[in-house]
Amino acid sequence: MSTSPSILHLASAVLLLLLSSAAATDHIVGANKGWNPGINYTLWANNQTFYVGDLISFRYQKTQYNVFRVNKTGYDNCTTEGASGNWSSGKDFILLDKAKRYYFICGTGGCFNGMKVSVLVHPLPPPPKSAVAAEHSAKDSSAPPAARGGAPGVLGIVVIMSVWFGYRWI
C-alpha cells in the first residue's frame, strides 16, 4: 500500500503536536501552599524549570486575591499599572507561550506580603539526536516504503493507531 508524502507529513505533525502538548508541565505556584501571603515564591520558582508551552497555575481564594501579569517595574514596585493580563477565578491556568521572563503579582495588596513571582521560560530543548537521525534517514531515502522493508515502523504503527483511535474506527 502506498501512502502519499502529504498524508505522512500531516500524520507526523499531528503526532508531534500531541507529544508536545502531553509533555507540557503545569507548575502550580507555591505547590501545596498555593498563592498566599508569606511564602517565598522566589525559592519556589528557582526550583522549577519552565519551558515554552508549560502552564503556570495559581490557586487561591478568589474573594481575597488575584493575579496580574506585569512588567519588571510593576513587579519591583507592586503596581498593576500597565498590566498585560489579570485573572481572578481562584484557579487560573496561564500559558507560558514565549521564551522570556514573566512577572506576576497579586493586585489586592498581597504583593507587599510576598505574593509575587518571576519565572524565566526557556525555549523547548531540541529533539533527541536519535529522532533527528531517524527523520533525516527517512528523508534521504528515495526508495518507496515497500522497498525499504514493507512493514511500518514503530512510529508508523503509533500514527496509524492514534488516527484509528482518534476517529473511533476500532
Protein backbone atom coordinates (compact mmCIF):
# COMPACT_ATOMS: atom_id res chain seq x y z
CA MET A 1 0.00 0.00 0.00
CA SER A 2 1.39 3.39 -0.98
CA THR A 3 0.90 6.47 1.17
CA SER A 4 1.34 9.97 -0.20
CA PRO A 5 4.01 12.16 1.42
CA SER A 6 1.47 14.85 2.34
CA ILE A 7 -0.56 12.39 4.43
CA LEU A 8 2.62 11.22 6.16
CA HIS A 9 3.60 14.83 6.89
CA LEU A 10 0.15 15.59 8.26
CA ALA A 11 0.18 12.47 10.44
CA SER A 12 3.67 13.34 11.69
CA ALA A 13 2.62 16.90 12.51
CA VAL A 14 -0.42 15.67 14.44
CA LEU A 15 1.72 13.20 16.38
CA LEU A 16 4.31 15.86 17.23
CA LEU A 17 1.55 18.21 18.40
CA LEU A 18 0.10 15.50 20.63
CA LEU A 19 3.50 14.61 22.05
CA SER A 20 4.45 18.24 22.69
CA SER A 21 1.17 19.02 24.44
CA ALA A 22 1.46 15.86 26.51
CA ALA A 23 4.95 16.89 27.59
CA ALA A 24 3.88 20.33 28.87
CA THR A 25 4.14 20.82 32.62
CA ASP A 26 1.61 22.56 34.84
CA HIS A 27 3.59 24.43 37.50
CA ILE A 28 1.33 25.11 40.50
CA VAL A 29 2.64 28.25 42.16
CA GLY A 30 3.57 27.51 45.75
CA ALA A 31 2.83 23.80 45.25
CA ASN A 32 0.57 22.65 48.12
CA LYS A 33 0.71 26.10 49.80
CA GLY A 34 -0.87 27.88 46.84
CA TRP A 35 -0.93 31.63 46.18
CA ASN A 36 -0.92 33.13 49.67
CA PRO A 37 1.00 35.76 51.66
CA GLY A 38 4.23 34.94 53.46
CA ILE A 39 5.56 32.32 51.02
CA ASN A 40 8.97 32.56 49.34
CA TYR A 41 7.94 32.32 45.68
CA THR A 42 11.47 33.15 44.52
CA LEU A 43 12.69 29.94 46.15
CA TRP A 44 9.78 28.02 44.62
CA ALA A 45 10.48 29.42 41.11
CA ASN A 46 14.21 28.69 41.40
CA ASN A 47 13.39 25.01 41.93
CA GLN A 48 11.36 24.81 38.72
CA THR A 49 12.37 24.69 35.06
CA PHE A 50 9.89 26.40 32.76
CA TYR A 51 9.67 25.75 29.02
CA VAL A 52 7.62 27.33 26.24
CA GLY A 53 4.22 25.63 26.25
CA ASP A 54 4.16 24.99 30.00
CA LEU A 55 1.39 26.32 32.21
CA ILE A 56 1.73 28.26 35.43
CA SER A 57 -1.25 27.82 37.75
CA PHE A 58 -2.36 29.99 40.63
CA ARG A 59 -4.66 28.52 43.31
CA TYR A 60 -6.16 30.92 45.86
CA GLN A 61 -9.36 32.18 47.46
CA LYS A 62 -10.94 34.27 44.72
CA THR A 63 -12.65 36.58 47.19
CA GLN A 64 -9.28 37.63 48.65
CA TYR A 65 -6.61 37.55 45.95
CA ASN A 66 -5.99 37.77 42.20
CA VAL A 67 -3.13 37.58 39.69
CA PHE A 68 -1.72 40.26 37.40
CA ARG A 69 0.96 39.78 34.74
CA VAL A 70 3.12 42.88 34.95
CA ASN A 71 6.48 44.18 33.72
CA LYS A 72 9.63 44.31 35.85
CA THR A 73 8.78 47.78 37.18
CA GLY A 74 5.33 46.61 38.27
CA TYR A 75 6.92 43.57 39.89
CA ASP A 76 9.57 45.60 41.73
CA ASN A 77 7.09 48.26 42.91
CA CYS A 78 3.98 46.07 43.39
CA THR A 79 1.92 48.12 40.95
CA THR A 80 -0.56 46.90 38.35
CA GLU A 81 -0.20 49.94 36.09
CA GLY A 82 0.35 48.72 32.54
CA ALA A 83 -0.50 45.10 33.42
CA SER A 84 -0.72 42.82 30.39
CA GLY A 85 -3.10 40.28 31.95
CA ASN A 86 -5.22 39.68 35.02
CA TRP A 87 -7.03 36.70 36.48
CA SER A 88 -9.38 36.26 39.42
CA SER A 89 -11.01 32.82 39.20
CA GLY A 90 -9.10 31.29 42.11
CA LYS A 91 -7.82 28.54 39.84
CA ASP A 92 -6.00 30.26 36.98
CA PHE A 93 -4.06 28.43 34.26
CA ILE A 94 -1.74 30.71 32.28
CA LEU A 95 0.09 29.53 29.17
CA LEU A 96 3.77 30.44 29.03
CA ASP A 97 3.93 30.81 25.26
CA LYS A 98 7.24 32.67 24.78
CA ALA A 99 10.81 32.21 25.94
CA LYS A 100 11.23 35.22 28.24
CA ARG A 101 10.93 36.32 31.87
CA TYR A 102 7.36 36.63 33.16
CA TYR A 103 6.35 38.65 36.24
CA PHE A 104 3.19 38.01 38.27
CA ILE A 105 1.86 39.82 41.33
CA CYS A 106 -1.24 39.89 43.50
CA GLY A 107 -3.08 43.16 42.91
CA THR A 108 -5.10 43.25 46.14
CA GLY A 109 -2.12 44.24 48.29
CA GLY A 110 -0.73 40.74 48.72
CA CYS A 111 2.29 41.69 46.63
CA PHE A 112 3.61 43.70 49.60
CA ASN A 113 3.41 40.48 51.67
CA GLY A 114 5.41 38.41 49.18
CA MET A 115 2.70 37.44 46.70
CA LYS A 116 4.81 37.95 43.60
CA VAL A 117 6.72 35.55 41.41
CA SER A 118 9.08 35.90 38.48
CA VAL A 119 9.76 32.95 36.17
CA LEU A 120 12.23 32.51 33.33
CA VAL A 121 10.81 30.48 30.45
CA HIS A 122 13.31 28.62 28.28
CA PRO A 123 12.88 27.59 24.63
CA LEU A 124 11.98 23.97 24.08
CA PRO A 125 15.05 21.73 24.05
CA PRO A 126 15.95 20.19 20.68
CA PRO A 127 14.63 16.69 19.98
CA PRO A 128 16.86 13.75 20.89
CA LYS A 129 19.58 13.02 18.32
CA SER A 130 18.11 9.59 17.57
CA ALA A 131 14.82 11.21 16.47
CA VAL A 132 16.66 13.73 14.28
CA ALA A 133 18.80 10.96 12.75
CA ALA A 134 15.72 8.85 12.02
CA GLU A 135 13.98 11.82 10.37
CA HIS A 136 17.00 12.58 8.19
CA SER A 137 17.44 8.95 7.15
CA ALA A 138 13.76 8.75 6.20
CA LYS A 139 14.04 11.94 4.12
CA ASP A 140 17.29 10.82 2.48
CA SER A 141 15.87 7.52 1.27
CA SER A 142 14.31 7.81 -2.15
CA ALA A 143 13.12 4.20 -2.25
CA PRO A 144 9.39 3.60 -1.76
CA PRO A 145 8.34 2.18 1.64
CA ALA A 146 7.81 -1.33 0.26
CA ALA A 147 11.42 -1.44 -0.99
CA ARG A 148 12.71 -0.43 2.46
CA GLY A 149 11.21 -3.42 4.19
CA GLY A 150 7.47 -3.09 3.64
CA ALA A 151 6.29 -3.25 7.26
CA PRO A 152 5.57 0.02 9.03
CA GLY A 153 7.97 1.03 11.78
CA VAL A 154 7.03 1.79 15.38
CA LEU A 155 6.31 5.43 14.50
CA GLY A 156 4.06 4.31 11.65
CA ILE A 157 2.14 1.99 13.95
CA VAL A 158 1.74 4.76 16.56
CA VAL A 159 0.46 7.18 13.91
CA ILE A 160 -1.95 4.62 12.47
CA MET A 161 -3.25 3.62 15.91
CA SER A 162 -3.68 7.22 17.03
CA VAL A 163 -5.63 8.02 13.86
CA TRP A 164 -7.80 4.93 14.27
CA PHE A 165 -8.49 5.56 17.95
CA GLY A 166 -8.92 9.28 17.34
CA TYR A 167 -11.62 8.62 14.76
CA ARG A 168 -13.02 5.70 16.73
CA TRP A 169 -12.59 3.23 13.85
CA ILE A 170 -11.78 0.47 16.28
